[in-house]
Amino acid sequence: MKKGILSLALTAVFGLTATANPIDGEKKEIKTSESTVTWKAYKVTGSHTGTIALKSGALEFDGDKLTGGEFVVDMTTINTTDLEGEYKQKLDGHLNSDDFFSTASNPTSKLVFTNVKSTGKNAYEVTGDLTIKGITKPITFDVSIYGSKATATLKVDRTNYDVKYGSGSFFDNLGDKTIYDEFDLVVDLQM
C-alpha cells in the first residue's frame, strides 16, 4: 500500500513538473536594419513600388522548425521608390493620409503568427493576424527559411483594413484612376 502511494506521489510530482515546464523554443530577433519590406501596388495604368521599415520582429523555432513569429512595421516610413521629386512627395504624403493608412493615428501595423505548418524542407504555410489601421484580419502566406535568412511574399487586400481610396469595389466610374484592392509585400529578413 505504501509502495503504491509513493509511486502515485512520484508520478504526480514528475507528471506536473513535465507539464509545468514545457520545452521552450528559441526566439530569434530580426535585424531590422538589415531586413527589408518592399511593397508593390497596382492600378489600371501601372504600378508603384516602395519600402517600409520594420520596427521590431522575431521568429520562434523549436530546433530548426519554425513555430511562430511577431512583427511590428513603422507605417510612418512608407517610402515610394519608383518616383522622384514632387510626385514622390505627393504620393508619400497621400499614402500617409486618411485616404490610405492614416499613419498619424496608426503609426504601426502588426503581424502575429497564429498557425505554422511545414510544407517541405525550409518551407512553411503561415496564418497570422495582420493589423492595419487598428483592424485585425487573418492572412495566409508562405515563408522560406535558409540559415539566418527568411523570405515571404504576402498579398494584402487593403479594403479589409478600411483603405478604400480609388477602389473599383467601392466606387463607380473611376476609369483609369482605379487602384486595385490587393497589394504585395515582399519581405526579406535577417536574423
Protein backbone atom coordinates (compact mmCIF):
# COMPACT_ATOMS: atom_id res chain seq x y z
CA MET A 1 0.00 0.00 0.00
CA LYS A 2 2.78 2.44 0.96
CA LYS A 3 4.66 1.50 -2.22
CA GLY A 4 1.53 2.24 -4.29
CA ILE A 5 1.05 5.65 -2.63
CA LEU A 6 4.75 6.50 -3.13
CA SER A 7 4.53 5.55 -6.83
CA LEU A 8 1.38 7.62 -7.22
CA ALA A 9 3.01 10.59 -5.47
CA LEU A 10 6.17 10.36 -7.65
CA THR A 11 4.06 10.07 -10.79
CA ALA A 12 2.05 13.13 -9.78
CA VAL A 13 5.18 15.20 -8.97
CA PHE A 14 7.08 14.26 -12.13
CA GLY A 15 3.96 14.48 -14.28
CA LEU A 16 3.22 18.01 -13.05
CA THR A 17 6.85 19.03 -13.47
CA ALA A 18 6.81 17.84 -17.07
CA THR A 19 3.65 19.79 -17.91
CA ALA A 20 4.56 22.87 -15.88
CA ASN A 21 7.91 23.29 -17.66
CA PRO A 22 7.41 22.67 -21.38
CA ILE A 23 10.45 22.81 -23.62
CA ASP A 24 10.73 26.41 -24.71
CA GLY A 25 11.63 27.15 -28.31
CA GLU A 26 14.27 29.60 -29.40
CA LYS A 27 13.28 33.16 -30.24
CA LYS A 28 15.47 34.79 -32.91
CA GLU A 29 15.29 38.57 -33.08
CA ILE A 30 15.22 40.08 -36.56
CA LYS A 31 18.00 42.50 -37.51
CA THR A 32 15.65 45.30 -38.58
CA SER A 33 18.38 47.46 -40.16
CA GLU A 34 19.43 44.56 -42.42
CA SER A 35 15.89 43.39 -43.28
CA THR A 36 13.64 44.81 -45.99
CA VAL A 37 9.92 45.08 -46.63
CA THR A 38 9.10 46.08 -50.21
CA TRP A 39 5.58 46.93 -51.34
CA LYS A 40 4.06 46.99 -54.81
CA ALA A 41 0.61 48.41 -55.51
CA TYR A 42 -1.23 48.18 -58.81
CA LYS A 43 -3.54 50.49 -60.72
CA VAL A 44 -5.15 50.33 -64.17
CA THR A 45 -2.37 52.44 -65.69
CA GLY A 46 0.60 50.74 -63.99
CA SER A 47 2.05 50.27 -60.52
CA HIS A 48 4.12 51.87 -57.79
CA THR A 49 6.79 50.33 -55.57
CA GLY A 50 8.39 51.31 -52.33
CA THR A 51 9.68 50.26 -48.96
CA ILE A 52 8.56 50.35 -45.36
CA ALA A 53 10.71 49.77 -42.27
CA LEU A 54 10.40 47.02 -39.69
CA LYS A 55 10.30 48.44 -36.16
CA SER A 56 10.78 45.06 -34.47
CA GLY A 57 10.39 41.38 -35.13
CA ALA A 58 11.24 37.86 -34.08
CA LEU A 59 10.79 34.33 -35.35
CA GLU A 60 10.31 31.40 -32.96
CA PHE A 61 11.77 27.96 -33.53
CA ASP A 62 11.64 24.52 -31.96
CA GLY A 63 15.01 23.19 -33.03
CA ASP A 64 15.21 24.14 -36.70
CA LYS A 65 11.42 24.18 -37.23
CA LEU A 66 9.57 27.49 -37.43
CA THR A 67 6.80 27.67 -34.81
CA GLY A 68 5.85 31.36 -34.53
CA GLY A 69 6.63 34.98 -35.19
CA GLU A 70 5.65 38.54 -34.45
CA PHE A 71 6.48 41.74 -36.32
CA VAL A 72 5.79 45.46 -35.99
CA VAL A 73 6.10 47.77 -39.00
CA ASP A 74 6.70 51.52 -38.72
CA MET A 75 3.95 52.84 -41.02
CA THR A 76 5.38 56.39 -40.91
CA THR A 77 8.32 55.16 -43.03
CA ILE A 78 6.23 54.48 -46.17
CA ASN A 79 8.58 55.38 -48.99
CA THR A 80 7.91 55.37 -52.73
CA THR A 81 10.97 54.21 -54.69
CA ASP A 82 9.75 54.43 -58.31
CA LEU A 83 9.16 58.20 -58.26
CA GLU A 84 11.32 61.26 -57.52
CA GLY A 85 10.82 64.86 -56.53
CA GLU A 86 7.37 66.40 -56.34
CA TYR A 87 5.50 63.25 -57.49
CA LYS A 88 7.25 61.12 -54.86
CA GLN A 89 6.44 63.64 -52.11
CA LYS A 90 2.79 63.80 -53.19
CA LEU A 91 2.37 60.00 -53.25
CA ASP A 92 4.21 59.51 -49.94
CA GLY A 93 2.01 62.19 -48.35
CA HIS A 94 -1.14 60.65 -49.79
CA LEU A 95 -0.21 57.14 -48.55
CA ASN A 96 0.28 58.58 -45.04
CA SER A 97 -3.07 60.44 -45.17
CA ASP A 98 -6.50 59.27 -44.03
CA ASP A 99 -7.27 58.27 -47.66
CA PHE A 100 -4.86 55.39 -47.17
CA PHE A 101 -3.03 54.35 -43.96
CA SER A 102 -3.74 57.23 -41.51
CA THR A 103 -0.21 56.98 -40.11
CA ALA A 104 -0.63 59.94 -37.74
CA SER A 105 -3.21 57.99 -35.74
CA ASN A 106 -1.97 54.48 -36.72
CA PRO A 107 1.85 54.71 -36.71
CA THR A 108 2.39 50.94 -36.59
CA SER A 109 0.98 47.77 -38.10
CA LYS A 110 1.47 44.32 -36.63
CA LEU A 111 1.60 40.69 -37.76
CA VAL A 112 1.34 37.83 -35.25
CA PHE A 113 1.64 34.22 -36.44
CA THR A 114 -1.26 32.07 -35.25
CA ASN A 115 -0.50 28.81 -37.10
CA VAL A 116 2.63 27.46 -38.80
CA LYS A 117 2.53 24.35 -40.97
CA SER A 118 5.60 22.77 -42.56
CA THR A 119 5.11 22.27 -46.32
CA GLY A 120 8.58 20.97 -47.16
CA LYS A 121 12.23 21.42 -46.31
CA ASN A 122 12.67 25.03 -45.15
CA ALA A 123 9.12 25.90 -46.34
CA TYR A 124 6.07 26.81 -44.28
CA GLU A 125 2.49 27.92 -44.71
CA VAL A 126 1.80 30.58 -42.10
CA THR A 127 -1.52 32.01 -40.97
CA GLY A 128 -1.36 35.15 -38.91
CA ASP A 129 -3.34 38.09 -37.61
CA LEU A 130 -2.45 41.23 -39.58
CA THR A 131 -3.42 44.55 -38.00
CA ILE A 132 -3.54 47.70 -40.15
CA LYS A 133 -5.32 50.91 -39.05
CA GLY A 134 -6.40 49.11 -35.87
CA ILE A 135 -8.28 46.44 -37.85
CA THR A 136 -7.14 42.82 -37.44
CA LYS A 137 -7.83 40.18 -40.10
CA PRO A 138 -6.33 36.72 -40.75
CA ILE A 139 -3.88 36.30 -43.62
CA THR A 140 -2.13 33.21 -45.01
CA PHE A 141 1.21 33.23 -46.82
CA ASP A 142 4.33 31.15 -47.46
CA VAL A 143 7.67 31.54 -45.65
CA SER A 144 11.03 30.08 -46.68
CA ILE A 145 13.97 29.89 -44.26
CA TYR A 146 17.61 29.32 -45.20
CA GLY A 147 20.13 29.65 -42.38
CA SER A 148 19.84 33.15 -40.92
CA LYS A 149 17.54 34.40 -43.71
CA ALA A 150 13.78 34.20 -44.14
CA THR A 151 11.64 35.36 -47.07
CA ALA A 152 7.91 35.76 -47.54
CA THR A 153 5.50 37.28 -50.03
CA LEU A 154 2.12 38.45 -48.81
CA LYS A 155 -0.85 39.54 -50.91
CA VAL A 156 -2.92 42.00 -48.85
CA ASP A 157 -6.44 43.18 -49.67
CA ARG A 158 -6.33 46.78 -48.46
CA THR A 159 -10.13 47.10 -48.36
CA ASN A 160 -10.19 44.65 -45.43
CA TYR A 161 -8.43 47.41 -43.45
CA ASP A 162 -10.67 50.32 -44.46
CA VAL A 163 -8.27 51.52 -47.18
CA LYS A 164 -10.82 52.10 -49.93
CA TYR A 165 -9.49 55.12 -51.82
CA GLY A 166 -9.72 54.57 -55.59
CA SER A 167 -11.12 51.06 -55.18
CA GLY A 168 -13.35 49.86 -58.01
CA SER A 169 -15.04 47.61 -55.44
CA PHE A 170 -16.49 50.67 -53.68
CA PHE A 171 -16.58 53.47 -56.26
CA ASP A 172 -18.10 53.58 -59.75
CA ASN A 173 -16.78 55.32 -62.86
CA LEU A 174 -13.15 55.56 -61.73
CA GLY A 175 -11.91 54.54 -65.17
CA ASP A 176 -8.12 54.64 -65.41
CA LYS A 177 -7.93 56.12 -61.89
CA THR A 178 -8.87 52.72 -60.39
CA ILE A 179 -6.37 51.32 -57.86
CA TYR A 180 -6.56 47.57 -57.40
CA ASP A 181 -7.56 46.29 -53.96
CA GLU A 182 -4.61 43.94 -53.46
CA PHE A 183 -1.00 44.95 -52.98
CA ASP A 184 2.08 42.80 -52.48
CA LEU A 185 4.60 42.80 -49.65
CA VAL A 186 7.94 41.10 -50.28
CA VAL A 187 9.78 40.53 -47.01
CA ASP A 188 13.47 39.61 -46.66
CA LEU A 189 14.51 39.04 -43.05
CA GLN A 190 17.97 38.72 -41.49
CA MET A 191 18.24 37.01 -38.09
